[in-house]
Amino acid sequence: MIRSVIDNNVAVVHIEKNIISENVDLLESKINEAKTTDTVNFVFDFHNVEYLCSAALGIIAQTLRVSSENSGRVVFCSMTTKLEELFIATRFLSMVDSTSSLEDAMKIFR
């Protein structure tokens, strides 16, 4: 459902299911694991995700803030249309890069 992998100092957070209050702790846990490795660059891979609860949005916003403060970068990829609309409405997409695929997202960090 949610897993994170460090790839060349980039934390790739694979989210494969909607995040609701019952599973938001797992998202926070995976991001915190990556932060313990001093990683400041994040890719959020939203394959098949159509909904994120407000707590999940808060966790992502905090990750964006911390990354930015440490000269890092956050990229969103593989968004569904519904999720993209949510990120447009919340203005996340004005603060992060987005790509259609994980491969394209990783190219940003090379």
Protein backbone atom coordinates (compact mmCIF):
# COMPACT_ATOMS: atom_id res chain seq x y z
CA MET A 1 0.00 0.00 0.00
CA ILE A 2 2.69 2.54 1.00
CA ARG A 3 6.39 1.91 0.73
CA SER A 4 9.44 4.09 0.52
CA VAL A 5 12.78 3.48 -1.14
CA ILE A 6 15.92 5.61 -1.14
CA ASP A 7 17.34 5.87 -4.65
CA ASN A 8 20.45 8.05 -5.14
CA ASN A 9 19.59 10.26 -2.15
CA VAL A 10 15.97 10.63 -3.30
CA ALA A 11 13.19 9.17 -1.16
CA VAL A 12 10.60 7.64 -3.44
CA VAL A 13 7.30 7.24 -1.60
CA HIS A 14 5.05 4.83 -3.49
CA ILE A 15 1.41 5.34 -2.52
CA GLU A 16 -0.84 2.76 -4.12
CA LYS A 17 -4.09 3.31 -2.25
CA ASN A 18 -6.23 6.21 -1.07
CA ILE A 19 -5.01 7.69 2.21
CA ILE A 20 -7.73 8.03 4.83
CA SER A 21 -7.62 8.57 8.57
CA GLU A 22 -7.23 4.83 9.22
CA ASN A 23 -3.97 4.52 7.27
CA VAL A 24 -2.45 8.02 7.39
CA ASP A 25 -0.04 6.92 10.15
CA LEU A 26 1.66 4.58 7.70
CA LEU A 27 2.32 7.49 5.31
CA GLU A 28 3.82 9.55 8.12
CA SER A 29 5.94 6.60 9.24
CA LYS A 30 7.37 5.98 5.75
CA ILE A 31 8.25 9.66 5.30
CA ASN A 32 9.85 9.83 8.74
CA GLU A 33 11.97 6.78 7.91
CA ALA A 34 13.32 8.59 4.87
CA LYS A 35 14.01 11.75 6.88
CA THR A 36 16.20 9.78 9.30
CA THR A 37 18.59 9.14 6.41
CA ASP A 38 19.00 12.92 5.94
CA THR A 39 17.22 12.72 2.61
CA VAL A 40 15.85 16.10 1.48
CA ASN A 41 14.59 15.14 -1.99
CA PHE A 42 11.25 13.34 -2.30
CA VAL A 43 9.21 11.82 -5.09
CA PHE A 44 5.60 10.99 -4.29
CA ASP A 45 4.37 8.31 -6.69
CA PHE A 46 0.56 8.45 -6.53
CA HIS A 47 -0.23 5.47 -8.76
CA ASN A 48 -4.02 4.77 -8.55
CA VAL A 49 -4.63 7.28 -5.73
CA GLU A 50 -7.80 9.34 -6.04
CA TYR A 51 -8.20 10.66 -2.49
CA LEU A 52 -6.00 11.96 0.33
CA CYS A 53 -7.46 12.99 3.68
CA SER A 54 -6.58 16.38 5.13
CA ALA A 55 -4.07 14.80 7.53
CA ALA A 56 -2.21 13.28 4.55
CA LEU A 57 -2.16 16.67 2.84
CA GLY A 58 -0.71 18.15 6.03
CA ILE A 59 2.04 15.52 6.16
CA ILE A 60 2.93 16.16 2.51
CA ALA A 61 2.92 19.94 3.14
CA GLN A 62 5.27 19.49 6.09
CA THR A 63 7.58 17.35 3.96
CA LEU A 64 7.56 20.06 1.30
CA ARG A 65 8.43 22.72 3.89
CA VAL A 66 11.28 20.73 5.45
CA SER A 67 12.65 19.77 2.05
CA SER A 68 12.56 23.37 0.86
CA GLU A 69 14.26 24.66 4.03
CA ASN A 70 17.11 22.20 3.41
CA SER A 71 17.57 23.01 -0.30
CA GLY A 72 15.72 19.87 -1.33
CA ARG A 73 13.01 19.27 -3.84
CA VAL A 74 9.65 17.47 -3.98
CA VAL A 75 8.16 15.99 -7.15
CA PHE A 76 4.73 14.42 -7.63
CA CYS A 77 4.20 11.76 -10.29
CA SER A 78 1.62 9.35 -11.67
CA MET A 79 -1.36 11.38 -10.48
CA THR A 80 -4.93 10.47 -11.37
CA THR A 81 -7.13 13.24 -12.72
CA LYS A 82 -9.02 13.48 -9.40
CA LEU A 83 -5.82 13.82 -7.41
CA GLU A 84 -4.41 16.39 -9.81
CA GLU A 85 -7.60 18.43 -9.37
CA LEU A 86 -7.17 18.25 -5.59
CA PHE A 87 -3.57 19.45 -5.84
CA ILE A 88 -4.59 22.29 -8.16
CA ALA A 89 -7.35 23.37 -5.75
CA THR A 90 -4.95 23.29 -2.78
CA ARG A 91 -2.19 25.01 -4.81
CA PHE A 92 0.33 22.23 -4.20
CA LEU A 93 1.10 22.11 -7.91
CA SER A 94 2.28 25.71 -7.79
CA MET A 95 4.99 24.62 -5.33
CA VAL A 96 6.15 21.28 -6.72
CA ASP A 97 7.08 19.79 -10.06
CA SER A 98 4.86 17.03 -11.41
CA THR A 99 5.47 14.37 -14.03
CA SER A 100 3.41 11.65 -15.61
CA SER A 101 5.78 8.84 -14.62
CA LEU A 102 8.27 7.84 -11.94
CA GLU A 103 10.99 7.59 -14.58
CA ASP A 104 10.45 11.24 -15.58
CA ALA A 105 10.40 12.30 -11.93
CA MET A 106 13.75 10.67 -11.27
CA LYS A 107 15.28 12.43 -14.28
CA ILE A 108 14.72 15.73 -12.48
CA PHE A 109 17.29 14.71 -9.86
CA ARG A 110 20.01 13.61 -12.30
